[in-house]
Amino acid sequence: RMSSDGPLPLIVSSPSGAGETTLTQRLRARIPGLVFSVSHTTRSPRASEVDGREYHFVSRQRFVEMIGDAAFLEWAQVFGNLYGTSRAEVERATSAGARGLIFDVDHQGARQIKCFLPQVVTVFILPPDMTTLRARLRGRASEDEATVERRYAAALDEIAHYGMFDYVLVNGDLELATDQLVAIFRAEECRRLRAAGHAERLLAEGRGFGGARPPQSAPPR
């Protein structure tokens, strides 16, 4: 396939309850070769979560040590817990020959990752309306009303940063939103910058040299 020498980095972000987890799972089901970046966190795992699958669950002391070792592309404190994306996730995806690497981060993480990976593609997911968002947050049986209201307030802050993202999708119709996310990934794979390496290799193969001009012959002695 025509791509640059490395996985296409893709940030999918949304306020809590807007559906980025479901959409990224559906994206991976539709496009083979996508790797999910597993973040580190200091929060306790939920009953259905597995260490190394949803998150790398670590102690606060270990997390702080990793910050000191410059191990993170980005990190932030959210609701009293620390979350971070390690540089090793990029190396892991590259070594595995992945087609794409998906990051699930908030606007703070997106800004930090874009500083390290300026070619990253950023997508923000919006709910169809705030009533639906509040209902989705209340639908989480593990959270009390105070937590719901705190997450609702945080969601408004997240939505205020939609302007820093390359694409904005409204997740009102799950099938449509999935199709749109798949289309974004496929279109970004076809950008000239990502195809340039392949095109130049074809030219070198056909001409016997790279670049626009043949190498100059050595002057006669």
Protein backbone atom coordinates (compact mmCIF):
# COMPACT_ATOMS: atom_id res chain seq x y z
CA ARG A 1 0.00 0.00 0.00
CA MET A 2 1.08 3.58 -0.58
CA SER A 3 2.06 5.23 2.71
CA SER A 4 4.97 6.82 4.48
CA ASP A 5 7.41 4.65 6.39
CA GLY A 6 5.43 4.51 9.62
CA PRO A 7 1.91 4.25 11.02
CA LEU A 8 -0.50 7.11 10.43
CA PRO A 9 -1.01 8.76 13.85
CA LEU A 10 -4.66 9.55 14.59
CA ILE A 11 -6.07 11.32 17.64
CA VAL A 12 -9.76 10.69 18.35
CA SER A 13 -11.00 12.88 21.18
CA SER A 14 -14.36 13.77 22.68
CA PRO A 15 -16.03 14.86 25.88
CA SER A 16 -16.89 11.97 28.17
CA GLY A 17 -20.00 10.23 26.88
CA ALA A 18 -19.77 11.36 23.24
CA GLY A 19 -18.69 7.93 22.02
CA GLU A 20 -15.04 8.04 20.96
CA THR A 21 -14.36 4.58 22.46
CA THR A 22 -17.15 2.96 20.46
CA LEU A 23 -16.13 4.78 17.28
CA THR A 24 -12.45 3.82 17.55
CA GLN A 25 -13.43 0.19 18.12
CA ARG A 26 -15.61 0.29 15.00
CA LEU A 27 -12.82 1.98 13.03
CA ARG A 28 -10.41 -0.83 13.97
CA ALA A 29 -13.02 -3.41 12.92
CA ARG A 30 -13.34 -1.77 9.50
CA ILE A 31 -9.66 -1.07 8.78
CA PRO A 32 -7.05 -3.78 9.48
CA GLY A 33 -3.65 -2.99 10.91
CA LEU A 34 -4.67 -0.24 13.33
CA VAL A 35 -3.07 -0.23 16.78
CA PHE A 36 -4.58 1.44 19.83
CA SER A 37 -2.20 3.46 22.01
CA VAL A 38 -2.64 2.15 25.56
CA SER A 39 -2.28 4.98 28.06
CA HIS A 40 -0.86 4.84 31.58
CA THR A 41 -3.06 5.89 34.50
CA THR A 42 -2.99 6.03 38.26
CA ARG A 43 -6.72 5.41 38.66
CA SER A 44 -8.04 2.06 39.80
CA PRO A 45 -9.26 -0.35 37.09
CA ARG A 46 -12.98 -0.90 36.63
CA ALA A 47 -14.37 -4.43 36.93
CA SER A 48 -14.28 -5.10 33.17
CA GLU A 49 -10.85 -3.57 32.54
CA VAL A 50 -7.63 -5.50 32.05
CA ASP A 51 -4.15 -4.11 32.73
CA GLY A 52 -2.38 -3.54 29.41
CA ARG A 53 -5.60 -3.61 27.37
CA GLU A 54 -7.63 -0.54 28.34
CA TYR A 55 -4.80 1.08 30.34
CA HIS A 56 -1.45 0.38 31.93
CA PHE A 57 -2.43 0.78 35.60
CA VAL A 58 0.48 2.10 37.67
CA SER A 59 1.03 3.71 41.05
CA ARG A 60 1.34 7.49 41.36
CA GLN A 61 4.97 7.05 42.42
CA ARG A 62 5.75 5.04 39.27
CA PHE A 63 3.94 7.58 37.09
CA VAL A 64 5.96 10.44 38.57
CA GLU A 65 9.16 8.48 37.96
CA MET A 66 8.18 8.08 34.30
CA ILE A 67 7.59 11.83 34.03
CA GLY A 68 11.10 12.37 35.37
CA ASP A 69 12.46 9.92 32.79
CA ALA A 70 10.72 11.86 29.96
CA ALA A 71 8.85 8.66 29.11
CA PHE A 72 5.61 10.42 28.08
CA LEU A 73 4.56 12.13 24.88
CA GLU A 74 1.85 13.79 26.96
CA TRP A 75 0.39 13.56 30.42
CA ALA A 76 -2.27 15.36 32.44
CA GLN A 77 -4.23 15.19 35.67
CA VAL A 78 -7.94 14.49 35.22
CA PHE A 79 -10.38 14.22 38.13
CA GLY A 80 -7.45 13.73 40.53
CA ASN A 81 -5.85 10.90 38.54
CA LEU A 82 -2.83 11.04 36.25
CA TYR A 83 -3.05 9.90 32.62
CA GLY A 84 -0.25 9.73 30.06
CA THR A 85 0.78 8.40 26.65
CA SER A 86 4.24 6.84 26.61
CA ARG A 87 6.76 7.30 23.80
CA ALA A 88 7.10 3.51 23.79
CA GLU A 89 3.61 3.23 22.24
CA VAL A 90 4.84 4.94 19.05
CA GLU A 91 7.93 2.72 18.94
CA ARG A 92 5.77 -0.37 19.48
CA ALA A 93 3.43 0.50 16.60
CA THR A 94 6.31 1.34 14.28
CA SER A 95 8.17 -1.89 15.08
CA ALA A 96 4.99 -3.90 14.47
CA GLY A 97 4.53 -2.34 11.02
CA ALA A 98 1.13 -0.96 12.01
CA ARG A 99 -0.99 0.86 9.45
CA GLY A 100 -2.14 3.45 11.99
CA LEU A 101 -1.80 4.37 15.65
CA ILE A 102 -4.90 5.66 17.45
CA PHE A 103 -4.61 7.97 20.46
CA ASP A 104 -7.61 8.50 22.77
CA VAL A 105 -6.72 11.74 24.60
CA ASP A 106 -8.32 15.03 25.63
CA HIS A 107 -7.49 18.44 24.17
CA GLN A 108 -4.50 18.82 26.50
CA GLY A 109 -3.03 15.55 25.31
CA ALA A 110 -3.80 16.37 21.68
CA ARG A 111 -1.87 19.63 21.94
CA GLN A 112 1.16 17.94 23.50
CA ILE A 113 1.20 15.03 21.02
CA LYS A 114 0.93 17.43 18.07
CA CYS A 115 4.10 19.17 19.28
CA PHE A 116 5.95 15.82 19.14
CA LEU A 117 4.15 14.44 16.06
CA PRO A 118 3.17 17.44 13.90
CA GLN A 119 1.81 15.10 11.20
CA VAL A 120 -0.82 13.65 13.55
CA VAL A 121 -4.43 13.80 12.31
CA THR A 122 -6.89 15.05 14.94
CA VAL A 123 -10.62 14.28 15.12
CA PHE A 124 -13.09 15.61 17.71
CA ILE A 125 -16.39 13.85 18.40
CA LEU A 126 -19.45 15.87 19.43
CA PRO A 127 -22.71 14.55 20.91
CA PRO A 128 -25.90 15.41 19.00
CA ASP A 129 -27.05 17.58 21.92
CA MET A 130 -26.31 18.14 25.61
CA THR A 131 -29.46 16.34 26.79
CA THR A 132 -28.24 13.16 25.08
CA LEU A 133 -24.77 13.62 26.56
CA ARG A 134 -26.14 13.96 30.10
CA ALA A 135 -28.31 10.85 29.59
CA ARG A 136 -25.27 8.87 28.39
CA LEU A 137 -23.29 9.94 31.44
CA ARG A 138 -26.16 8.92 33.74
CA GLY A 139 -26.28 5.57 31.97
CA ARG A 140 -22.94 4.59 33.50
CA ALA A 141 -23.98 2.54 36.50
CA SER A 142 -20.55 2.91 38.14
CA GLU A 143 -20.88 6.68 38.67
CA ASP A 144 -22.98 8.68 41.13
CA GLU A 145 -24.83 11.93 40.36
CA ALA A 146 -22.03 14.15 41.66
CA THR A 147 -19.58 12.44 39.29
CA VAL A 148 -22.05 12.82 36.41
CA GLU A 149 -22.35 16.55 37.03
CA ARG A 150 -18.56 16.93 37.28
CA ARG A 151 -18.09 15.10 33.99
CA TYR A 152 -20.86 17.17 32.38
CA ALA A 153 -19.09 20.40 33.37
CA ALA A 154 -15.78 19.01 32.05
CA ALA A 155 -17.52 18.07 28.79
CA LEU A 156 -18.44 21.71 28.19
CA ASP A 157 -14.80 22.68 28.65
CA GLU A 158 -13.70 19.98 26.19
CA ILE A 159 -16.24 21.11 23.58
CA ALA A 160 -14.89 24.67 23.86
CA HIS A 161 -11.60 23.40 22.36
CA TYR A 162 -13.13 21.87 19.21
CA GLY A 163 -11.38 24.51 17.09
CA MET A 164 -7.93 22.99 17.54
CA PHE A 165 -8.90 19.76 15.74
CA ASP A 166 -8.64 18.99 12.01
CA TYR A 167 -12.05 17.28 11.79
CA VAL A 168 -15.25 17.48 13.88
CA LEU A 169 -17.87 14.69 13.75
CA VAL A 170 -21.33 14.65 15.32
CA ASN A 171 -22.10 11.22 16.79
CA GLY A 172 -25.87 11.22 16.50
CA ASP A 173 -26.10 8.37 14.01
CA LEU A 174 -23.50 5.75 14.92
CA GLU A 175 -23.34 4.19 11.43
CA LEU A 176 -22.88 7.59 9.76
CA ALA A 177 -20.25 8.70 12.28
CA THR A 178 -18.38 5.41 11.75
CA ASP A 179 -18.44 5.87 7.97
CA GLN A 180 -17.14 9.42 8.36
CA LEU A 181 -14.28 8.37 10.63
CA VAL A 182 -13.30 5.56 8.24
CA ALA A 183 -13.40 8.04 5.33
CA ILE A 184 -11.13 10.46 7.20
CA PHE A 185 -8.51 7.77 7.83
CA ARG A 186 -8.56 6.53 4.24
CA ALA A 187 -8.34 10.05 2.82
CA GLU A 188 -5.43 10.94 5.09
CA GLU A 189 -3.57 7.84 3.90
CA CYS A 190 -3.73 9.27 0.37
CA ARG A 191 -2.19 12.64 1.20
CA ARG A 192 0.77 13.50 -1.00
CA LEU A 193 3.14 13.68 1.97
CA ARG A 194 2.39 10.08 2.94
CA ALA A 195 2.67 8.80 -0.63
CA ALA A 196 5.84 10.77 -1.45
CA GLY A 197 8.28 8.12 -0.25
CA HIS A 198 6.61 5.43 -2.35
CA ALA A 199 6.48 7.71 -5.42
CA GLU A 200 10.17 8.57 -5.09
CA ARG A 201 11.08 4.89 -4.78
CA LEU A 202 9.16 4.18 -8.01
CA LEU A 203 11.05 6.96 -9.79
CA ALA A 204 14.37 5.67 -8.52
CA GLU A 205 13.45 2.15 -9.63
CA GLY A 206 12.43 3.29 -13.11
CA ARG A 207 15.22 5.77 -13.72
CA GLY A 208 17.99 4.11 -11.82
CA PHE A 209 18.43 7.22 -9.66
CA GLY A 210 16.40 9.33 -7.24
CA GLY A 211 15.48 13.02 -7.38
CA ALA A 212 14.48 15.22 -10.32
CA ARG A 213 17.81 15.16 -12.14
CA PRO A 214 20.30 12.38 -12.90
CA PRO A 215 23.60 12.55 -11.06
CA GLN A 216 26.32 14.49 -12.91
CA SER A 217 28.94 12.40 -14.61
CA ALA A 218 32.38 12.69 -13.13
CA PRO A 219 34.56 15.14 -15.12
CA PRO A 220 37.23 13.49 -17.27
CA ARG A 221 40.71 13.46 -15.83
